[in-house]
Amino acid sequence: INIIDTPGHIDFTAEVQRSLRVLDGGVVVFDAVSGVEPQSETVWHQADLFGVPRVCFVNKMDRPGADLDRTVRMIVDRLKAHPLPVQLPIFSEQEFMGVIDLFQMKALIFSDEPGTEPRVEEIPSDDATARTAREQMVERIAATDEALTVSFLSGEQIPNRELQRALRRAVIDNKLVPVFIGSALYNRGIQPLLDGVVRYLPSPVDTRPTDGIDPRTGASVARRADADEPFCSLAFKIVSDPFVGRLTYLRVYSGELERGSTVYNPGRGFDERVSRLYHMYADERQQIKSCQAGDIVGVVGLKQTFTGDTLCDADHEILL
């Protein structure tokens, strides 16, 4: 999983757009006290334009004045979205301690130690708030799937596995947006959020083929996220690295790219040689021999490629 951290501030709109162009899914972070802020609106509407499936994370639940219900209402009113809370907060003497998982109907209690697994506890059987929230969640998920709607209306108990599969499909189709909660400062709620990323956001093979045009004929062409397809990628960021020099970030949409190979830039009409390939870990790099469809990599050796340029197989030209 490649994680791209985009700026939230409106001054960096171009950076956000470049990132949204190459993402398969997004985690949108909201402040539990401030709710939906103006820059959040801007980024959300940009993600709508690119059709990026999303999950929400309501952060800073530890702060005085944190209000999950208000934040969810603001997401509906200001973003015209369809948020679906999948957790409820647990407070102890005004302190945010954990969450109720509405799928498992269990309490997850967090410690402040980084990397520690949350403690799983039973919730009171008479917790009417949690029961009501789960019923509403199940009803809204079932409404996105015809078979589940029939089961729900028949009063059947729908297994969590089926609900989660249906929610994944609804997220990929941008029908629902799961809402997770936590406090990043105290490492509370992070593990369930990461599980949610894996469970609900699409992998490259879940997304529709990438569209482009054949620069020679003007005809529409598409590339599937498959290593056996002709190579096709987009350069979405250029940086100057003090150790390796000019570093180009590529999102590979199809095919495979090997170190030392030559690629074609159809927009500018010349070949480029890939001298080195890297997996990026913030400011650290790990050199790799090859990459393939779905990967995001750093490339050294591209001297005349700029942000927004397509790189592809010279025998199968495509312009994204």
C-alpha atoms as a PDB file:
ATOM      1  CA  ILE A   1       0.000   0.000   0.000  1.00  0.00           C
ATOM      2  CA  ASN A   2       1.398   3.380  -1.011  1.00  0.00           C
ATOM      3  CA  ILE A   3       0.356   6.294   1.192  1.00  0.00           C
ATOM      4  CA  ILE A   4       0.510   9.814  -0.242  1.00  0.00           C
ATOM      5  CA  ASP A   5       0.102  12.575   2.327  1.00  0.00           C
ATOM      6  CA  THR A   6      -1.361  15.649   0.631  1.00  0.00           C
ATOM      7  CA  PRO A   7      -1.424  19.155   2.118  1.00  0.00           C
ATOM      8  CA  GLY A   8      -4.822  20.155   3.485  1.00  0.00           C
ATOM      9  CA  HIS A   9      -4.366  23.891   2.981  1.00  0.00           C
ATOM     10  CA  ILE A  10      -6.067  25.620   0.080  1.00  0.00           C
ATOM     11  CA  ASP A  11      -2.770  27.254  -0.994  1.00  0.00           C
ATOM     12  CA  PHE A  12      -1.551  23.826  -2.149  1.00  0.00           C
ATOM     13  CA  THR A  13      -4.514  22.924  -4.363  1.00  0.00           C
ATOM     14  CA  ALA A  14      -2.277  21.942  -7.297  1.00  0.00           C
ATOM     15  CA  GLU A  15      -0.367  19.461  -5.114  1.00  0.00           C
ATOM     16  CA  VAL A  16      -3.637  17.879  -4.020  1.00  0.00           C
ATOM     17  CA  GLN A  17      -4.916  17.604  -7.601  1.00  0.00           C
ATOM     18  CA  ARG A  18      -1.728  15.886  -8.737  1.00  0.00           C
ATOM     19  CA  SER A  19      -2.065  13.372  -5.936  1.00  0.00           C
ATOM     20  CA  LEU A  20      -5.783  12.756  -6.484  1.00  0.00           C
ATOM     21  CA  ARG A  21      -5.061  11.970 -10.130  1.00  0.00           C
ATOM     22  CA  VAL A  22      -2.993   8.908  -9.175  1.00  0.00           C
ATOM     23  CA  LEU A  23      -4.853   7.672  -6.088  1.00  0.00           C
ATOM     24  CA  ASP A  24      -7.133   4.634  -5.939  1.00  0.00           C
ATOM     25  CA  GLY A  25      -8.725   5.720  -2.653  1.00  0.00           C
ATOM     26  CA  GLY A  26      -8.454   8.409  -0.014  1.00  0.00           C
ATOM     27  CA  VAL A  27      -8.670   8.905   3.743  1.00  0.00           C
ATOM     28  CA  VAL A  28     -10.140  12.343   4.464  1.00  0.00           C
ATOM     29  CA  VAL A  29      -9.248  13.620   7.940  1.00  0.00           C
ATOM     30  CA  PHE A  30     -11.658  15.903   9.802  1.00  0.00           C
ATOM     31  CA  ASP A  31     -11.257  17.759  13.090  1.00  0.00           C
ATOM     32  CA  ALA A  32     -13.835  16.533  15.646  1.00  0.00           C
ATOM     33  CA  VAL A  33     -14.107  20.044  17.099  1.00  0.00           C
ATOM     34  CA  SER A  34     -14.006  22.194  13.933  1.00  0.00           C
ATOM     35  CA  GLY A  35     -15.905  19.734  11.723  1.00  0.00           C
ATOM     36  CA  VAL A  36     -15.808  20.409   7.987  1.00  0.00           C
ATOM     37  CA  GLU A  37     -13.390  23.287   7.355  1.00  0.00           C
ATOM     38  CA  PRO A  38     -13.283  25.330   4.113  1.00  0.00           C
ATOM     39  CA  GLN A  39     -10.162  23.604   2.786  1.00  0.00           C
ATOM     40  CA  SER A  40     -11.819  20.228   3.485  1.00  0.00           C
ATOM     41  CA  GLU A  41     -14.664  21.257   1.182  1.00  0.00           C
ATOM     42  CA  THR A  42     -12.224  22.151  -1.592  1.00  0.00           C
ATOM     43  CA  VAL A  43     -10.349  18.852  -1.369  1.00  0.00           C
ATOM     44  CA  TRP A  44     -13.587  16.850  -1.126  1.00  0.00           C
ATOM     45  CA  HIS A  45     -15.046  18.388  -4.283  1.00  0.00           C
ATOM     46  CA  GLN A  46     -11.759  17.782  -6.118  1.00  0.00           C
ATOM     47  CA  ALA A  47     -11.935  14.124  -5.082  1.00  0.00           C
ATOM     48  CA  ASP A  48     -15.505  14.054  -6.456  1.00  0.00           C
ATOM     49  CA  LEU A  49     -14.199  15.257  -9.828  1.00  0.00           C
ATOM     50  CA  PHE A  50     -11.656  12.435  -9.939  1.00  0.00           C
ATOM     51  CA  GLY A  51     -14.169   9.871  -8.628  1.00  0.00           C
ATOM     52  CA  VAL A  52     -11.885   8.831  -5.758  1.00  0.00           C
ATOM     53  CA  PRO A  53     -13.526   6.426  -3.254  1.00  0.00           C
ATOM     54  CA  ARG A  54     -13.054   7.645   0.329  1.00  0.00           C
ATOM     55  CA  VAL A  55     -13.256   6.792   3.988  1.00  0.00           C
ATOM     56  CA  CYS A  56     -13.419   9.506   6.671  1.00  0.00           C
ATOM     57  CA  PHE A  57     -11.387   9.731   9.855  1.00  0.00           C
ATOM     58  CA  VAL A  58     -12.733  12.097  12.511  1.00  0.00           C
ATOM     59  CA  ASN A  59      -9.570  12.985  14.421  1.00  0.00           C
ATOM     60  CA  LYS A  60      -8.967  14.775  17.761  1.00  0.00           C
ATOM     61  CA  MET A  61     -11.758  13.006  19.607  1.00  0.00           C
ATOM     62  CA  ASP A  62      -9.673  13.599  22.756  1.00  0.00           C
ATOM     63  CA  ARG A  63     -10.209  17.369  22.641  1.00  0.00           C
ATOM     64  CA  PRO A  64     -12.873  19.206  24.676  1.00  0.00           C
ATOM     65  CA  GLY A  65     -15.837  19.969  22.420  1.00  0.00           C
ATOM     66  CA  ALA A  66     -15.307  16.972  20.122  1.00  0.00           C
ATOM     67  CA  ASP A  67     -18.654  16.081  18.567  1.00  0.00           C
ATOM     68  CA  LEU A  68     -18.972  13.148  16.156  1.00  0.00           C
ATOM     69  CA  ASP A  69     -22.675  13.704  15.408  1.00  0.00           C
ATOM     70  CA  ARG A  70     -22.106  17.366  14.505  1.00  0.00           C
ATOM     71  CA  THR A  71     -19.174  16.488  12.222  1.00  0.00           C
ATOM     72  CA  VAL A  72     -21.240  13.806  10.423  1.00  0.00           C
ATOM     73  CA  ARG A  73     -24.111  16.301   9.937  1.00  0.00           C
ATOM     74  CA  MET A  74     -21.647  18.822   8.472  1.00  0.00           C
ATOM     75  CA  ILE A  75     -20.348  16.183   6.048  1.00  0.00           C
ATOM     76  CA  VAL A  76     -23.925  15.669   4.859  1.00  0.00           C
ATOM     77  CA  ASP A  77     -24.901  19.362   4.740  1.00  0.00           C
ATOM     78  CA  ARG A  78     -21.722  20.917   3.350  1.00  0.00           C
ATOM     79  CA  LEU A  79     -20.234  18.107   1.266  1.00  0.00           C
ATOM     80  CA  LYS A  80     -23.496  16.501   0.071  1.00  0.00           C
ATOM     81  CA  ALA A  81     -21.932  13.148   0.909  1.00  0.00           C
ATOM     82  CA  HIS A  82     -23.293   9.917   2.395  1.00  0.00           C
ATOM     83  CA  PRO A  83     -21.249   9.271   5.563  1.00  0.00           C
ATOM     84  CA  LEU A  84     -21.816   5.991   7.402  1.00  0.00           C
ATOM     85  CA  PRO A  85     -20.487   5.839  10.990  1.00  0.00           C
ATOM     86  CA  VAL A  86     -19.090   2.351  11.642  1.00  0.00           C
ATOM     87  CA  GLN A  87     -17.888   3.213  15.176  1.00  0.00           C
ATOM     88  CA  LEU A  88     -19.139   5.060  18.240  1.00  0.00           C
ATOM     89  CA  PRO A  89     -16.851   6.790  20.772  1.00  0.00           C
ATOM     90  CA  ILE A  90     -16.291   5.568  24.320  1.00  0.00           C
ATOM     91  CA  PHE A  91     -15.601   8.220  26.948  1.00  0.00           C
ATOM     92  CA  SER A  92     -14.548   7.738  30.558  1.00  0.00           C
ATOM     93  CA  GLU A  93     -14.806  10.862  32.726  1.00  0.00           C
ATOM     94  CA  GLN A  94     -14.642  13.098  29.619  1.00  0.00           C
ATOM     95  CA  GLU A  95     -11.577  11.230  28.284  1.00  0.00           C
ATOM     96  CA  PHE A  96     -11.744   9.453  24.907  1.00  0.00           C
ATOM     97  CA  MET A  97     -10.766   5.848  25.663  1.00  0.00           C
ATOM     98  CA  GLY A  98     -11.893   3.785  22.708  1.00  0.00           C
ATOM     99  CA  VAL A  99     -14.605   2.924  20.203  1.00  0.00           C
ATOM    100  CA  ILE A 100     -17.529   0.561  19.797  1.00  0.00           C
ATOM    101  CA  ASP A 101     -17.143  -1.466  16.594  1.00  0.00           C
ATOM    102  CA  LEU A 102     -20.679  -1.565  15.171  1.00  0.00           C
ATOM    103  CA  PHE A 103     -19.925  -4.678  13.096  1.00  0.00           C
ATOM    104  CA  GLN A 104     -18.584  -6.822  15.936  1.00  0.00           C
ATOM    105  CA  MET A 105     -20.544  -4.975  18.653  1.00  0.00           C
ATOM    106  CA  LYS A 106     -17.432  -5.011  20.810  1.00  0.00           C
ATOM    107  CA  ALA A 107     -15.595  -2.243  22.643  1.00  0.00           C
ATOM    108  CA  LEU A 108     -12.006  -1.527  21.573  1.00  0.00           C
ATOM    109  CA  ILE A 109     -10.068   0.154  24.395  1.00  0.00           C
ATOM    110  CA  PHE A 110      -6.774   1.782  23.432  1.00  0.00           C
ATOM    111  CA  SER A 111      -3.599   2.424  25.389  1.00  0.00           C
ATOM    112  CA  ASP A 112      -1.144   5.244  24.717  1.00  0.00           C
ATOM    113  CA  GLU A 113       1.671   2.857  23.807  1.00  0.00           C
ATOM    114  CA  PRO A 114       2.397   2.974  20.044  1.00  0.00           C
ATOM    115  CA  GLY A 115       1.795  -0.319  18.269  1.00  0.00           C
ATOM    116  CA  THR A 116      -0.174  -1.874  21.127  1.00  0.00           C
ATOM    117  CA  GLU A 117      -3.211  -3.903  20.098  1.00  0.00           C
ATOM    118  CA  PRO A 118      -6.486  -2.499  21.453  1.00  0.00           C
ATOM    119  CA  ARG A 119      -8.126  -4.389  24.305  1.00  0.00           C
ATOM    120  CA  VAL A 120     -11.409  -6.013  23.204  1.00  0.00           C
ATOM    121  CA  GLU A 121     -14.253  -5.886  25.723  1.00  0.00           C
ATOM    122  CA  GLU A 122     -17.940  -6.702  25.732  1.00  0.00           C
ATOM    123  CA  ILE A 123     -20.402  -3.810  25.614  1.00  0.00           C
ATOM    124  CA  PRO A 124     -23.445  -3.693  27.910  1.00  0.00           C
ATOM    125  CA  SER A 125     -26.303  -5.706  26.436  1.00  0.00           C
ATOM    126  CA  ASP A 126     -28.701  -2.852  27.209  1.00  0.00           C
ATOM    127  CA  ASP A 127     -26.689  -0.254  25.254  1.00  0.00           C
ATOM    128  CA  ALA A 128     -29.612   1.073  23.206  1.00  0.00           C
ATOM    129  CA  THR A 129     -27.492   3.731  21.445  1.00  0.00           C
ATOM    130  CA  ALA A 130     -25.110   1.129  20.002  1.00  0.00           C
ATOM    131  CA  ARG A 131     -27.957  -1.196  18.975  1.00  0.00           C
ATOM    132  CA  THR A 132     -29.800   1.607  17.217  1.00  0.00           C
ATOM    133  CA  ALA A 133     -26.614   2.769  15.439  1.00  0.00           C
ATOM    134  CA  ARG A 134     -25.913  -0.778  14.230  1.00  0.00           C
ATOM    135  CA  GLU A 135     -29.466  -1.207  12.930  1.00  0.00           C
ATOM    136  CA  GLN A 136     -29.211   2.038  11.009  1.00  0.00           C
ATOM    137  CA  MET A 137     -25.797   1.001   9.615  1.00  0.00           C
ATOM    138  CA  VAL A 138     -27.092  -2.412   8.491  1.00  0.00           C
ATOM    139  CA  GLU A 139     -30.173  -0.843   6.875  1.00  0.00           C
ATOM    140  CA  ARG A 140     -28.104   1.666   4.890  1.00  0.00           C
ATOM    141  CA  ILE A 141     -25.618  -0.962   3.715  1.00  0.00           C
ATOM    142  CA  ALA A 142     -28.422  -3.343   2.733  1.00  0.00           C
ATOM    143  CA  ALA A 143     -30.077  -0.575   0.708  1.00  0.00           C
ATOM    144  CA  THR A 144     -27.070  -0.577  -1.674  1.00  0.00           C
ATOM    145  CA  ASP A 145     -27.434  -4.277  -2.544  1.00  0.00           C
ATOM    146  CA  GLU A 146     -30.576  -5.902  -3.907  1.00  0.00           C
ATOM    147  CA  ALA A 147     -30.018  -9.319  -2.323  1.00  0.00           C
ATOM    148  CA  LEU A 148     -29.239  -7.819   1.076  1.00  0.00           C
ATOM    149  CA  THR A 149     -32.312  -5.572   0.842  1.00  0.00           C
ATOM    150  CA  VAL A 150     -34.499  -8.673   0.487  1.00  0.00           C
ATOM    151  CA  SER A 151     -32.740 -10.322   3.443  1.00  0.00           C
ATOM    152  CA  PHE A 152     -33.107  -7.192   5.565  1.00  0.00           C
ATOM    153  CA  LEU A 153     -36.806  -6.762   4.809  1.00  0.00           C
ATOM    154  CA  SER A 154     -37.352 -10.450   5.594  1.00  0.00           C
ATOM    155  CA  GLY A 155     -35.869  -9.901   9.040  1.00  0.00           C
ATOM    156  CA  GLU A 156     -32.900 -12.203   8.393  1.00  0.00           C
ATOM    157  CA  GLN A 157     -29.621 -11.808  10.282  1.00  0.00           C
ATOM    158  CA  ILE A 158     -27.057 -10.667   7.673  1.00  0.00           C
ATOM    159  CA  PRO A 159     -23.503 -11.923   8.397  1.00  0.00           C
ATOM    160  CA  ASN A 160     -20.859  -9.246   8.951  1.00  0.00           C
ATOM    161  CA  ARG A 161     -18.811 -10.693   6.088  1.00  0.00           C
ATOM    162  CA  GLU A 162     -21.661 -10.018   3.647  1.00  0.00           C
ATOM    163  CA  LEU A 163     -22.218  -6.525   5.064  1.00  0.00           C
ATOM    164  CA  GLN A 164     -18.534  -5.655   4.700  1.00  0.00           C
ATOM    165  CA  ARG A 165     -18.418  -6.949   1.131  1.00  0.00           C
ATOM    166  CA  ALA A 166     -21.459  -4.856   0.251  1.00  0.00           C
ATOM    167  CA  LEU A 167     -19.958  -1.808   1.965  1.00  0.00           C
ATOM    168  CA  ARG A 168     -16.742  -2.247  -0.027  1.00  0.00           C
ATOM    169  CA  ARG A 169     -18.733  -2.248  -3.270  1.00  0.00           C
ATOM    170  CA  ALA A 170     -20.698   0.817  -2.116  1.00  0.00           C
ATOM    171  CA  VAL A 171     -17.465   2.667  -1.262  1.00  0.00           C
ATOM    172  CA  ILE A 172     -15.897   1.856  -4.636  1.00  0.00           C
ATOM    173  CA  ASP A 173     -19.073   3.097  -6.355  1.00  0.00           C
ATOM    174  CA  ASN A 174     -19.014   6.272  -4.198  1.00  0.00           C
ATOM    175  CA  LYS A 175     -22.422   5.479  -2.674  1.00  0.00           C
ATOM    176  CA  LEU A 176     -21.279   5.424   0.968  1.00  0.00           C
ATOM    177  CA  VAL A 177     -18.352   6.807   2.975  1.00  0.00           C
ATOM    178  CA  PRO A 178     -17.463   4.870   6.158  1.00  0.00           C
ATOM    179  CA  VAL A 179     -16.611   7.122   9.121  1.00  0.00           C
ATOM    180  CA  PHE A 180     -13.902   6.069  11.590  1.00  0.00           C
ATOM    181  CA  ILE A 181     -12.959   7.982  14.729  1.00  0.00           C
ATOM    182  CA  GLY A 182      -9.888   8.383  16.905  1.00  0.00           C
ATOM    183  CA  SER A 183      -7.068  10.499  18.217  1.00  0.00           C
ATOM    184  CA  ALA A 184      -3.891  10.325  16.160  1.00  0.00           C
ATOM    185  CA  LEU A 185      -1.937  12.182  18.870  1.00  0.00           C
ATOM    186  CA  TYR A 186      -2.544   9.340  21.342  1.00  0.00           C
ATOM    187  CA  ASN A 187      -2.558   6.554  18.752  1.00  0.00           C
ATOM    188  CA  ARG A 188      -6.211   5.722  19.466  1.00  0.00           C
ATOM    189  CA  GLY A 189      -8.364   4.419  16.648  1.00  0.00           C
ATOM    190  CA  ILE A 190      -5.514   4.038  14.164  1.00  0.00           C
ATOM    191  CA  GLN A 191      -5.475   0.226  13.845  1.00  0.00           C
ATOM    192  CA  PRO A 192      -9.201  -0.004  12.970  1.00  0.00           C
ATOM    193  CA  LEU A 193      -8.736   2.813  10.441  1.00  0.00           C
ATOM    194  CA  LEU A 194      -5.903   0.928   8.725  1.00  0.00           C
ATOM    195  CA  ASP A 195      -8.028  -2.231   8.718  1.00  0.00           C
ATOM    196  CA  GLY A 196     -10.777  -0.146   7.112  1.00  0.00           C
ATOM    197  CA  VAL A 197      -8.379   1.043   4.390  1.00  0.00           C
ATOM    198  CA  VAL A 198      -7.604  -2.576   3.498  1.00  0.00           C
ATOM    199  CA  ARG A 199     -11.216  -3.705   3.813  1.00  0.00           C
ATOM    200  CA  TYR A 200     -13.078  -0.944   1.960  1.00  0.00           C
ATOM    201  CA  LEU A 201     -10.793   1.051  -0.334  1.00  0.00           C
ATOM    202  CA  PRO A 202     -10.100  -0.407  -3.788  1.00  0.00           C
ATOM    203  CA  SER A 203      -6.923  -2.057  -4.943  1.00  0.00           C
ATOM    204  CA  PRO A 204      -5.751  -1.116  -8.474  1.00  0.00           C
ATOM    205  CA  VAL A 205      -7.519  -4.153  -9.948  1.00  0.00           C
ATOM    206  CA  ASP A 206     -10.854  -3.004  -8.473  1.00  0.00           C
ATOM    207  CA  THR A 207     -10.812   0.302 -10.343  1.00  0.00           C
ATOM    208  CA  ARG A 208     -11.949   0.791 -13.898  1.00  0.00           C
ATOM    209  CA  PRO A 209      -9.358   0.766 -16.724  1.00  0.00           C
ATOM    210  CA  THR A 210      -7.360   3.941 -17.239  1.00  0.00           C
ATOM    211  CA  ASP A 211      -8.455   5.913 -20.280  1.00  0.00           C
ATOM    212  CA  GLY A 212      -6.199   7.682 -22.748  1.00  0.00           C
ATOM    213  CA  ILE A 213      -5.843   8.456 -26.434  1.00  0.00           C
ATOM    214  CA  ASP A 214      -3.598   7.107 -29.152  1.00  0.00           C
ATOM    215  CA  PRO A 215      -1.526  10.196 -30.128  1.00  0.00           C
ATOM    216  CA  ARG A 216      -1.149   8.943 -33.706  1.00  0.00           C
ATOM    217  CA  THR A 217      -4.827   8.334 -34.468  1.00  0.00           C
ATOM    218  CA  GLY A 218      -6.705  10.234 -31.730  1.00  0.00           C
ATOM    219  CA  ALA A 219      -8.659   7.068 -30.924  1.00  0.00           C
ATOM    220  CA  SER A 220      -9.588   6.258 -27.335  1.00  0.00           C
ATOM    221  CA  VAL A 221      -7.581   3.495 -25.695  1.00  0.00           C
ATOM    222  CA  ALA A 222      -7.654   1.974 -22.218  1.00  0.00           C
ATOM    223  CA  ARG A 223      -5.192   0.111 -20.023  1.00  0.00           C
ATOM    224  CA  ARG A 224      -6.120  -2.404 -17.339  1.00  0.00           C
ATOM    225  CA  ALA A 225      -4.109  -2.729 -14.111  1.00  0.00           C
ATOM    226  CA  ASP A 226      -2.359  -5.846 -15.380  1.00  0.00           C
ATOM    227  CA  ALA A 227       1.358  -6.620 -15.600  1.00  0.00           C
ATOM    228  CA  ASP A 228       0.763  -8.329 -18.976  1.00  0.00           C
ATOM    229  CA  GLU A 229      -0.645  -5.167 -20.573  1.00  0.00           C
ATOM    230  CA  PRO A 230       1.685  -2.724 -22.416  1.00  0.00           C
ATOM    231  CA  PHE A 231       3.541  -0.386 -20.038  1.00  0.00           C
ATOM    232  CA  CYS A 232       1.820   2.906 -19.229  1.00  0.00           C
ATOM    233  CA  SER A 233       2.475   5.414 -16.411  1.00  0.00           C
ATOM    234  CA  LEU A 234       2.013   9.027 -15.369  1.00  0.00           C
ATOM    235  CA  ALA A 235       4.683  11.343 -13.944  1.00  0.00           C
ATOM    236  CA  PHE A 236       2.895  13.248 -11.182  1.00  0.00           C
ATOM    237  CA  LYS A 237       5.712  14.851  -9.222  1.00  0.00           C
ATOM    238  CA  ILE A 238       9.291  15.976  -9.850  1.00  0.00           C
ATOM    239  CA  VAL A 239      11.653  16.660  -6.958  1.00  0.00           C
ATOM    240  CA  SER A 240      15.333  17.469  -6.604  1.00  0.00           C
ATOM    241  CA  ASP A 241      16.861  14.923  -4.246  1.00  0.00           C
ATOM    242  CA  PRO A 242      20.226  15.860  -2.648  1.00  0.00           C
ATOM    243  CA  PHE A 243      21.519  12.285  -3.028  1.00  0.00           C
ATOM    244  CA  VAL A 244      20.153  10.996  -6.341  1.00  0.00           C
ATOM    245  CA  GLY A 245      19.464  14.259  -8.223  1.00  0.00           C
ATOM    246  CA  ARG A 246      16.314  14.665 -10.311  1.00  0.00           C
ATOM    247  CA  LEU A 247      13.704  12.222  -9.018  1.00  0.00           C
ATOM    248  CA  THR A 248      10.454  11.580 -10.899  1.00  0.00           C
ATOM    249  CA  TYR A 249       7.468  10.028  -9.148  1.00  0.00           C
ATOM    250  CA  LEU A 250       5.548   7.631 -11.415  1.00  0.00           C
ATOM    251  CA  ARG A 251       2.199   5.923 -10.989  1.00  0.00           C
ATOM    252  CA  VAL A 252       2.292   2.746 -13.070  1.00  0.00           C
ATOM    253  CA  TYR A 253      -1.132   1.982 -14.543  1.00  0.00           C
ATOM    254  CA  SER A 254      -0.314  -1.080 -16.630  1.00  0.00           C
ATOM    255  CA  GLY A 255       2.528  -3.340 -17.635  1.00  0.00           C
ATOM    256  CA  GLU A 256       5.935  -3.650 -16.026  1.00  0.00           C
ATOM    257  CA  LEU A 257       8.986  -1.396 -15.829  1.00  0.00           C
ATOM    258  CA  GLU A 258      12.527  -2.655 -15.279  1.00  0.00           C
ATOM    259  CA  ARG A 259      15.644  -0.815 -14.219  1.00  0.00           C
ATOM    260  CA  GLY A 260      17.772   0.071 -17.246  1.00  0.00           C
ATOM    261  CA  SER A 261      14.875  -0.069 -19.704  1.00  0.00           C
ATOM    262  CA  THR A 262      13.839   2.634 -22.178  1.00  0.00           C
ATOM    263  CA  VAL A 263      10.389   4.247 -22.145  1.00  0.00           C
ATOM    264  CA  TYR A 264       8.692   6.612 -24.569  1.00  0.00           C
ATOM    265  CA  ASN A 265       7.264  10.053 -23.799  1.00  0.00           C
ATOM    266  CA  PRO A 266       4.488  10.442 -26.419  1.00  0.00           C
ATOM    267  CA  GLY A 267       3.638  14.007 -25.430  1.00  0.00           C
ATOM    268  CA  ARG A 268       7.149  15.246 -26.188  1.00  0.00           C
ATOM    269  CA  GLY A 269       8.163  12.622 -28.737  1.00  0.00           C
ATOM    270  CA  PHE A 270      11.372  11.189 -27.295  1.00  0.00           C
ATOM    271  CA  ASP A 271      12.747   8.180 -25.437  1.00  0.00           C
ATOM    272  CA  GLU A 272      13.908   8.254 -21.825  1.00  0.00           C
ATOM    273  CA  ARG A 273      16.158   5.732 -20.063  1.00  0.00           C
ATOM    274  CA  VAL A 274      15.348   4.527 -16.555  1.00  0.00           C
ATOM    275  CA  SER A 275      18.668   4.291 -14.732  1.00  0.00           C
ATOM    276  CA  ARG A 276      17.324   3.520 -11.237  1.00  0.00           C
ATOM    277  CA  LEU A 277      14.020   2.623  -9.593  1.00  0.00           C
ATOM    278  CA  TYR A 278      13.121   3.239  -5.955  1.00  0.00           C
ATOM    279  CA  HIS A 279      10.385   2.457  -3.489  1.00  0.00           C
ATOM    280  CA  MET A 280      10.026   5.619  -1.421  1.00  0.00           C
ATOM    281  CA  TYR A 281       9.695   5.679   2.372  1.00  0.00           C
ATOM    282  CA  ALA A 282       9.285   9.417   3.087  1.00  0.00           C
ATOM    283  CA  ASP A 283      12.861  10.710   2.723  1.00  0.00           C
ATOM    284  CA  GLU A 284      14.377   7.195   2.529  1.00  0.00           C
ATOM    285  CA  ARG A 285      14.691   5.079  -0.587  1.00  0.00           C
ATOM    286  CA  GLN A 286      14.932   1.367  -1.329  1.00  0.00           C
ATOM    287  CA  GLN A 287      16.353   0.485  -4.739  1.00  0.00           C
ATOM    288  CA  ILE A 288      14.320  -2.089  -6.668  1.00  0.00           C
ATOM    289  CA  LYS A 289      14.844  -3.968  -9.949  1.00  0.00           C
ATOM    290  CA  SER A 290      11.338  -3.609 -11.367  1.00  0.00           C
ATOM    291  CA  CYS A 291       7.794  -2.420 -10.704  1.00  0.00           C
ATOM    292  CA  GLN A 292       4.419  -3.161 -12.236  1.00  0.00           C
ATOM    293  CA  ALA A 293       0.799  -2.072 -12.559  1.00  0.00           C
ATOM    294  CA  GLY A 294      -0.482  -0.397  -9.405  1.00  0.00           C
ATOM    295  CA  ASP A 295       2.935   0.643  -8.087  1.00  0.00           C
ATOM    296  CA  ILE A 296       4.055   4.167  -7.225  1.00  0.00           C
ATOM    297  CA  VAL A 297       7.819   4.540  -7.586  1.00  0.00           C
ATOM    298  CA  GLY A 298      10.623   7.061  -7.774  1.00  0.00           C
ATOM    299  CA  VAL A 299      12.663   7.025 -11.001  1.00  0.00           C
ATOM    300  CA  VAL A 300      16.119   8.454 -11.629  1.00  0.00           C
ATOM    301  CA  GLY A 301      17.366   9.138 -15.162  1.00  0.00           C
ATOM    302  CA  LEU A 302      14.397  10.905 -16.762  1.00  0.00           C
ATOM    303  CA  LYS A 303      15.949  14.163 -17.924  1.00  0.00           C
ATOM    304  CA  GLN A 304      13.166  15.740 -20.006  1.00  0.00           C
ATOM    305  CA  THR A 305       9.986  14.410 -18.390  1.00  0.00           C
ATOM    306  CA  PHE A 306       7.821  16.834 -16.409  1.00  0.00           C
ATOM    307  CA  THR A 307       4.748  16.730 -14.172  1.00  0.00           C
ATOM    308  CA  GLY A 308       1.712  15.423 -16.070  1.00  0.00           C
ATOM    309  CA  ASP A 309       3.711  13.604 -18.762  1.00  0.00           C
ATOM    310  CA  THR A 310       2.771  10.096 -19.866  1.00  0.00           C
ATOM    311  CA  LEU A 311       5.480   7.435 -20.218  1.00  0.00           C
ATOM    312  CA  CYS A 312       4.637   4.275 -22.131  1.00  0.00           C
ATOM    313  CA  ASP A 313       5.801   1.427 -24.350  1.00  0.00           C
ATOM    314  CA  ALA A 314       7.005   2.893 -27.663  1.00  0.00           C
ATOM    315  CA  ASP A 315       5.167   0.149 -29.602  1.00  0.00           C
ATOM    316  CA  HIS A 316       1.865   0.808 -27.816  1.00  0.00           C
ATOM    317  CA  GLU A 317       1.511   4.564 -27.503  1.00  0.00           C
ATOM    318  CA  ILE A 318      -1.032   6.136 -25.157  1.00  0.00           C
ATOM    319  CA  LEU A 319      -1.442   9.687 -23.889  1.00  0.00           C
ATOM    320  CA  LEU A 320      -3.182   9.961 -20.514  1.00  0.00           C
END
